[in-house]
Amino acid sequence: MTSAAPLRRILVTGVGGAPGFDLARSLLRLGLTVIAADAHPLAPGLALPGVTPRTIPPATDPCFGPHLLELCRHLRPEALISTVEAELPHLVAMREVLAEVGVRTWLPTAEAVRVCADKAAFAALLAAHGIPTPRTGLPDQLHDLPEDTGLVVKPRRGHGAQGVRFCRSRAQARVLCGLVPDPVVQERVAGREWTADCLVDAQGRASVVPRWRLLVKGGLAMVSTTFHDPEVVALATATLAAVGVVGPCCVQGFVRDPGTPRVVVTEVNARFAGGFPAAQAAGADLVLQTLRGLAGHGVDHDRLRYQPGIRLTKYVETLLAGPDPDLPTPPPLS
């Protein structure tokens, strides 16, 4: 990020999910040219009016990197913003070659990406820094977890609510570990769930906008309300520093009342969160400040202040209704 040239053409990946979809739409509203990419040809973000839609291989495909690089050479985006965790290790490895073709990225280190993706490593790191997080163990460490509270079995490298199972005992958790791929087991935390939409500049300074996750479906907060809590902000900031995340990201956790510790951190994602428009509506201009950071202007944290008590409600939206382009044209109605 050495030049301060303005950015006009942005490639957004993962437009089939809420973060990518809303980011692409936000960039369009800023008057930018948006190249919208997703691994699924029916991803809703590919149908956003005004985007240049492209299908790319999934991050698990060996062709992901070469195909993405060829797309960048052909369409010449000036920056790439990924909203897909599985893509991040590949993009970190491709950082220099992307820069050579004129594509800016704003990515954490490979180690930070690894820790964010690995729930066992993340829990160990937070425990080492004294940051409250649910007790976490691998299947052979079940004896170290409490028996007098609920447990959660989930994929060690999963995301959202995929593969998450709840149980009440270590015996039940042991059975579930045989059903969940590459599992971890965590203490189940009760309380009010929150997400903090964050932006961390190149010097490590973070702006943090917490919101309550009031209605959650499939791991996505469908209704959120911004709030201010000094302890939540402090722990989210400490977590980001411990992990070493930069750029747009989010932290998740719980507030327990009553409970000790009162605030618990459960997760960090090195990408925009699905409910980041709540922070935007509350006055924190995450998208524009991300573009400033990408362009080398630096982040204006004064533009990331926010108003508590702003509610966001998401819903299923109809984008297109018409003939299916993959089917033959139907005969006219008589």
Protein backbone atom coordinates (compact mmCIF):
# COMPACT_ATOMS: atom_id res chain seq x y z
CA MET A 1 0.00 0.00 0.00
CA THR A 2 2.55 2.53 -1.13
CA SER A 3 0.52 4.55 -3.61
CA ALA A 4 -2.46 6.72 -2.78
CA ALA A 5 -4.21 6.44 -6.14
CA PRO A 6 -8.01 6.24 -5.90
CA LEU A 7 -9.63 2.89 -6.55
CA ARG A 8 -12.46 2.55 -9.04
CA ARG A 9 -12.60 -1.15 -10.01
CA ILE A 10 -13.05 -3.65 -7.16
CA LEU A 11 -13.26 -7.44 -7.33
CA VAL A 12 -15.43 -8.90 -4.57
CA THR A 13 -15.44 -12.66 -4.05
CA GLY A 14 -18.10 -14.64 -2.21
CA VAL A 15 -21.11 -12.66 -3.42
CA GLY A 16 -23.34 -15.64 -2.73
CA GLY A 17 -23.09 -14.91 0.99
CA ALA A 18 -24.36 -11.95 2.97
CA PRO A 19 -20.96 -10.21 3.46
CA GLY A 20 -20.04 -10.32 -0.22
CA PHE A 21 -23.53 -9.48 -1.43
CA ASP A 22 -23.85 -6.40 0.80
CA LEU A 23 -20.28 -5.30 0.12
CA ALA A 24 -20.81 -5.46 -3.65
CA ARG A 25 -24.02 -3.45 -3.32
CA SER A 26 -22.34 -0.89 -1.06
CA LEU A 27 -19.54 -0.39 -3.58
CA LEU A 28 -22.05 0.03 -6.40
CA ARG A 29 -23.79 2.75 -4.38
CA LEU A 30 -20.43 4.55 -4.14
CA GLY A 31 -20.35 4.64 -7.94
CA LEU A 32 -17.56 2.08 -8.29
CA THR A 33 -17.20 -0.66 -10.88
CA VAL A 34 -17.74 -3.99 -9.16
CA ILE A 35 -16.61 -7.37 -10.46
CA ALA A 36 -18.72 -9.86 -8.50
CA ALA A 37 -17.35 -13.40 -8.25
CA ASP A 38 -18.57 -16.59 -6.64
CA ALA A 39 -17.96 -20.31 -6.94
CA HIS A 40 -21.65 -21.04 -7.44
CA PRO A 41 -23.18 -19.97 -10.76
CA LEU A 42 -26.53 -19.26 -9.05
CA ALA A 43 -25.06 -17.03 -6.32
CA PRO A 44 -27.50 -14.12 -5.80
CA GLY A 45 -24.78 -11.48 -5.92
CA LEU A 46 -24.06 -12.40 -9.52
CA ALA A 47 -27.55 -11.08 -10.34
CA LEU A 48 -27.04 -7.67 -8.74
CA PRO A 49 -27.83 -5.01 -11.35
CA GLY A 50 -24.68 -3.21 -12.41
CA VAL A 51 -22.03 -5.77 -11.44
CA THR A 52 -19.75 -7.64 -13.81
CA PRO A 53 -20.54 -11.24 -12.79
CA ARG A 54 -17.96 -14.01 -12.94
CA THR A 55 -17.89 -17.60 -11.71
CA ILE A 56 -14.64 -18.82 -10.19
CA PRO A 57 -13.58 -22.24 -8.85
CA PRO A 58 -13.98 -22.87 -5.12
CA ALA A 59 -10.93 -22.37 -2.93
CA THR A 60 -10.59 -26.16 -2.60
CA ASP A 61 -10.05 -26.50 -6.36
CA PRO A 62 -6.39 -26.50 -7.53
CA CYS A 63 -7.50 -24.20 -10.36
CA PHE A 64 -8.65 -21.48 -7.94
CA GLY A 65 -5.40 -19.51 -7.97
CA PRO A 66 -4.60 -19.70 -11.70
CA HIS A 67 -8.22 -18.93 -12.64
CA LEU A 68 -8.39 -15.94 -10.29
CA LEU A 69 -5.12 -14.59 -11.59
CA GLU A 70 -6.29 -14.91 -15.18
CA LEU A 71 -9.55 -13.14 -14.31
CA CYS A 72 -7.53 -10.28 -12.79
CA ARG A 73 -5.33 -10.01 -15.85
CA HIS A 74 -8.38 -9.91 -18.10
CA LEU A 75 -10.70 -7.57 -16.14
CA ARG A 76 -7.94 -5.57 -14.39
CA PRO A 77 -9.51 -4.81 -10.99
CA GLU A 78 -7.49 -2.39 -8.91
CA ALA A 79 -8.26 -4.19 -5.65
CA LEU A 80 -9.62 -7.51 -4.43
CA ILE A 81 -11.72 -7.98 -1.29
CA SER A 82 -12.50 -11.57 -0.34
CA THR A 83 -15.39 -12.46 1.97
CA VAL A 84 -14.62 -16.21 1.99
CA GLU A 85 -12.42 -17.61 4.78
CA ALA A 86 -11.27 -20.59 2.71
CA GLU A 87 -9.82 -18.26 0.07
CA LEU A 88 -7.62 -16.31 2.47
CA PRO A 89 -4.64 -18.72 2.71
CA HIS A 90 -4.43 -18.83 -1.10
CA LEU A 91 -4.70 -15.05 -1.40
CA VAL A 92 -1.98 -14.51 1.19
CA ALA A 93 0.29 -16.79 -0.86
CA MET A 94 -0.70 -14.90 -4.04
CA ARG A 95 -0.25 -11.43 -2.56
CA GLU A 96 2.91 -10.56 -4.50
CA VAL A 97 1.79 -11.95 -7.85
CA LEU A 98 -1.53 -10.12 -7.52
CA ALA A 99 0.37 -6.91 -6.83
CA GLU A 100 2.44 -7.50 -9.96
CA VAL A 101 -0.73 -7.39 -12.09
CA GLY A 102 -1.95 -4.25 -10.32
CA VAL A 103 -4.37 -5.78 -7.80
CA ARG A 104 -4.20 -4.47 -4.26
CA THR A 105 -5.10 -6.66 -1.28
CA TRP A 106 -5.29 -5.98 2.44
CA LEU A 107 -4.67 -9.28 4.18
CA PRO A 108 -3.35 -10.51 7.52
CA THR A 109 -0.28 -12.71 7.83
CA ALA A 110 -0.52 -16.39 7.02
CA GLU A 111 -0.28 -17.17 10.75
CA ALA A 112 -3.19 -14.84 11.58
CA VAL A 113 -5.31 -16.46 8.87
CA ARG A 114 -4.43 -19.92 10.22
CA VAL A 115 -5.39 -19.02 13.79
CA CYS A 116 -8.70 -17.48 12.69
CA ALA A 117 -9.60 -20.64 10.78
CA ASP A 118 -8.55 -23.13 13.49
CA LYS A 119 -10.84 -23.05 16.53
CA ALA A 120 -8.44 -25.07 18.67
CA ALA A 121 -5.49 -22.81 17.85
CA PHE A 122 -7.65 -19.70 18.37
CA ALA A 123 -8.78 -20.84 21.83
CA ALA A 124 -5.20 -21.66 22.82
CA LEU A 125 -3.95 -18.25 21.67
CA LEU A 126 -6.63 -16.35 23.57
CA ALA A 127 -6.01 -18.41 26.71
CA ALA A 128 -2.30 -17.60 26.45
CA HIS A 129 -3.14 -13.88 26.31
CA GLY A 130 -5.58 -14.08 29.22
CA ILE A 131 -8.60 -13.26 27.04
CA PRO A 132 -11.77 -15.07 28.24
CA THR A 133 -12.92 -17.69 25.74
CA PRO A 134 -14.91 -20.92 26.10
CA ARG A 135 -12.89 -23.91 27.29
CA THR A 136 -12.03 -25.87 24.16
CA GLY A 137 -10.56 -29.31 23.55
CA LEU A 138 -10.01 -31.95 20.92
CA PRO A 139 -11.82 -35.31 21.21
CA ASP A 140 -8.95 -36.84 23.21
CA GLN A 141 -9.14 -33.94 25.69
CA LEU A 142 -12.79 -34.38 26.67
CA HIS A 143 -11.78 -35.20 30.25
CA ASP A 144 -10.51 -31.60 30.62
CA LEU A 145 -13.92 -30.12 29.82
CA PRO A 146 -16.66 -29.51 32.41
CA GLU A 147 -19.32 -32.15 32.97
CA ASP A 148 -21.74 -29.82 34.75
CA THR A 149 -22.52 -27.58 31.76
CA GLY A 150 -23.63 -27.87 28.15
CA LEU A 151 -21.09 -28.64 25.43
CA VAL A 152 -20.85 -27.77 21.75
CA VAL A 153 -19.30 -30.05 19.12
CA LYS A 154 -18.36 -28.30 15.90
CA PRO A 155 -15.95 -28.64 12.97
CA ARG A 156 -12.51 -27.38 13.94
CA ARG A 157 -12.27 -25.38 10.73
CA GLY A 158 -15.97 -24.78 10.01
CA HIS A 159 -17.82 -21.51 9.65
CA GLY A 160 -21.27 -20.19 10.39
CA ALA A 161 -23.52 -22.75 12.04
CA GLN A 162 -22.55 -25.60 9.73
CA GLY A 163 -22.05 -28.90 11.52
CA VAL A 164 -22.65 -27.47 15.02
CA ARG A 165 -24.17 -29.89 17.53
CA PHE A 166 -25.20 -29.28 21.15
CA CYS A 167 -25.18 -31.81 23.96
CA ARG A 168 -25.32 -32.07 27.76
CA SER A 169 -22.53 -34.44 28.72
CA ARG A 170 -19.06 -35.61 27.78
CA ALA A 171 -20.53 -39.02 26.84
CA GLN A 172 -22.86 -37.39 24.32
CA ALA A 173 -20.01 -35.22 23.02
CA ARG A 174 -17.90 -38.34 22.47
CA VAL A 175 -20.62 -39.80 20.22
CA LEU A 176 -21.02 -36.53 18.30
CA CYS A 177 -17.27 -36.37 17.70
CA GLY A 178 -17.72 -39.45 15.51
CA LEU A 179 -20.30 -37.62 13.38
CA VAL A 180 -18.74 -34.15 13.03
CA PRO A 181 -15.70 -33.96 10.73
CA ASP A 182 -12.42 -32.96 12.44
CA PRO A 183 -14.26 -31.78 15.56
CA VAL A 184 -13.52 -29.62 18.56
CA VAL A 185 -15.58 -29.58 21.73
CA GLN A 186 -16.32 -26.34 23.56
CA GLU A 187 -18.03 -25.28 26.74
CA ARG A 188 -21.45 -23.90 25.84
CA VAL A 189 -21.77 -20.25 26.86
CA ALA A 190 -25.14 -18.72 27.66
CA GLY A 191 -25.81 -15.00 27.41
CA ARG A 192 -26.38 -12.23 24.91
CA GLU A 193 -24.53 -12.89 21.68
CA TRP A 194 -22.68 -10.04 19.95
CA THR A 195 -20.61 -9.34 16.87
CA ALA A 196 -18.19 -6.43 16.58
CA ASP A 197 -17.59 -5.05 13.08
CA CYS A 198 -13.98 -3.87 13.04
CA LEU A 199 -11.34 -2.20 10.92
CA VAL A 200 -7.67 -2.46 11.90
CA ASP A 201 -5.22 -0.09 10.21
CA ALA A 202 -1.64 -0.81 9.15
CA GLN A 203 -0.33 0.43 12.52
CA GLY A 204 -2.62 -1.94 14.44
CA ARG A 205 -5.14 0.62 15.65
CA ALA A 206 -8.66 -0.82 15.65
CA SER A 207 -12.11 0.71 15.44
CA VAL A 208 -14.75 -1.57 16.96
CA VAL A 209 -18.53 -1.36 16.46
CA PRO A 210 -20.39 -3.97 18.57
CA ARG A 211 -23.96 -5.04 17.90
CA TRP A 212 -26.30 -7.50 19.55
CA ARG A 213 -27.25 -10.54 17.45
CA LEU A 214 -30.97 -10.43 18.21
CA LEU A 215 -32.24 -12.91 15.62
CA VAL A 216 -29.87 -15.48 14.14
CA LYS A 217 -30.68 -17.92 11.32
CA GLY A 218 -28.10 -20.31 9.93
CA GLY A 219 -25.32 -18.44 11.70
CA LEU A 220 -26.30 -15.09 10.15
CA ALA A 221 -27.62 -12.27 12.32
CA MET A 222 -30.87 -11.29 10.66
CA VAL A 223 -31.62 -8.59 13.25
CA SER A 224 -28.85 -6.60 14.96
CA THR A 225 -28.70 -3.52 17.16
CA THR A 226 -25.54 -1.51 17.80
CA PHE A 227 -24.56 -0.89 21.42
CA HIS A 228 -21.68 0.43 23.44
CA ASP A 229 -19.96 -1.54 26.20
CA PRO A 230 -16.38 -0.60 27.20
CA GLU A 231 -15.53 -4.15 28.26
CA VAL A 232 -16.71 -5.63 24.96
CA VAL A 233 -14.74 -3.04 22.99
CA ALA A 234 -11.62 -3.60 25.10
CA LEU A 235 -11.71 -7.39 24.75
CA ALA A 236 -12.44 -7.24 21.01
CA THR A 237 -9.50 -4.86 20.58
CA ALA A 238 -7.21 -7.08 22.64
CA THR A 239 -8.30 -10.12 20.62
CA LEU A 240 -7.52 -8.44 17.31
CA ALA A 241 -4.07 -7.46 18.58
CA ALA A 242 -3.36 -10.98 19.87
CA VAL A 243 -4.34 -12.59 16.56
CA GLY A 244 -2.68 -9.92 14.41
CA VAL A 245 -5.58 -9.24 12.07
CA VAL A 246 -5.52 -6.17 9.81
CA GLY A 247 -8.12 -4.67 7.49
CA PRO A 248 -11.87 -5.37 7.73
CA CYS A 249 -12.73 -8.11 10.20
CA CYS A 250 -15.18 -9.09 12.95
CA VAL A 251 -15.11 -10.49 16.47
CA GLN A 252 -17.88 -12.55 18.08
CA GLY A 253 -18.69 -13.38 21.67
CA PHE A 254 -21.19 -13.34 24.53
CA VAL A 255 -22.05 -11.08 27.43
CA ARG A 256 -23.08 -13.12 30.46
CA ASP A 257 -25.14 -11.35 33.10
CA PRO A 258 -24.80 -12.77 35.64
CA GLY A 259 -21.63 -14.69 34.94
CA THR A 260 -17.87 -14.67 35.40
CA PRO A 261 -16.09 -13.69 33.28
CA ARG A 262 -18.81 -11.33 32.10
CA VAL A 263 -17.57 -11.03 28.48
CA VAL A 264 -16.35 -14.02 26.48
CA VAL A 265 -14.82 -13.98 22.98
CA THR A 266 -15.62 -16.93 20.72
CA GLU A 267 -14.40 -16.15 17.20
CA VAL A 268 -12.58 -13.79 14.82
CA ASN A 269 -13.16 -13.65 11.07
CA ALA A 270 -10.65 -11.84 8.84
CA ARG A 271 -13.41 -10.47 6.60
CA PHE A 272 -16.52 -8.30 6.63
CA ALA A 273 -19.31 -9.76 8.76
CA GLY A 274 -22.73 -10.54 7.36
CA GLY A 275 -24.35 -7.76 9.40
CA PHE A 276 -21.80 -5.00 8.74
CA PRO A 277 -24.50 -2.71 7.23
CA ALA A 278 -25.62 -2.15 10.84
CA ALA A 279 -22.31 -0.42 11.54
CA GLN A 280 -22.67 1.57 8.32
CA ALA A 281 -26.18 2.71 9.30
CA ALA A 282 -24.86 3.70 12.73
CA GLY A 283 -22.36 6.09 11.14
CA ALA A 284 -19.19 3.95 10.94
CA ASP A 285 -18.13 4.13 7.29
CA LEU A 286 -16.40 0.75 7.15
CA VAL A 287 -16.56 0.39 3.37
CA LEU A 288 -15.10 3.77 2.45
CA GLN A 289 -12.40 3.50 5.10
CA THR A 290 -11.49 0.03 3.83
CA LEU A 291 -11.06 1.54 0.37
CA ARG A 292 -8.87 4.29 1.85
CA GLY A 293 -6.69 1.69 3.51
CA LEU A 294 -6.44 -0.33 0.32
CA ALA A 295 -5.48 2.77 -1.66
CA GLY A 296 -2.75 3.76 0.79
CA HIS A 297 -4.49 6.82 2.23
CA GLY A 298 -4.70 5.36 5.73
CA VAL A 299 -7.80 4.92 7.87
CA ASP A 300 -9.63 7.92 9.33
CA HIS A 301 -10.87 6.48 12.62
CA ASP A 302 -12.97 9.58 13.27
CA ARG A 303 -15.17 8.36 10.39
CA LEU A 304 -15.65 5.06 12.22
CA ARG A 305 -17.45 6.45 15.23
CA TYR A 306 -20.96 5.11 15.59
CA GLN A 307 -24.31 5.63 17.27
CA PRO A 308 -25.61 2.95 19.65
CA GLY A 309 -29.20 1.78 19.32
CA ILE A 310 -29.32 1.49 15.51
CA ARG A 311 -31.18 -1.64 14.39
CA LEU A 312 -30.60 -3.59 11.18
CA THR A 313 -33.16 -6.08 9.87
CA LYS A 314 -32.20 -8.36 6.98
CA TYR A 315 -34.63 -10.29 4.81
CA VAL A 316 -34.80 -12.52 1.77
CA GLU A 317 -34.95 -10.33 -1.34
CA THR A 318 -36.21 -11.10 -4.85
CA LEU A 319 -33.63 -9.96 -7.39
CA LEU A 320 -34.91 -11.44 -10.63
CA ALA A 321 -38.14 -12.96 -11.87
CA GLY A 322 -38.24 -13.96 -15.51
CA PRO A 323 -37.31 -16.62 -18.06
CA ASP A 324 -34.56 -19.02 -16.95
CA PRO A 325 -31.59 -18.32 -19.27
CA ASP A 326 -30.48 -21.96 -18.97
CA LEU A 327 -33.75 -23.30 -20.42
CA PRO A 328 -35.18 -23.08 -23.95
CA THR A 329 -37.41 -20.07 -24.57
CA PRO A 330 -40.99 -21.12 -23.84
CA PRO A 331 -43.63 -20.73 -26.53
CA PRO A 332 -45.83 -17.63 -26.29
CA LEU A 333 -49.01 -17.89 -24.28
CA SER A 334 -52.06 -18.44 -26.47
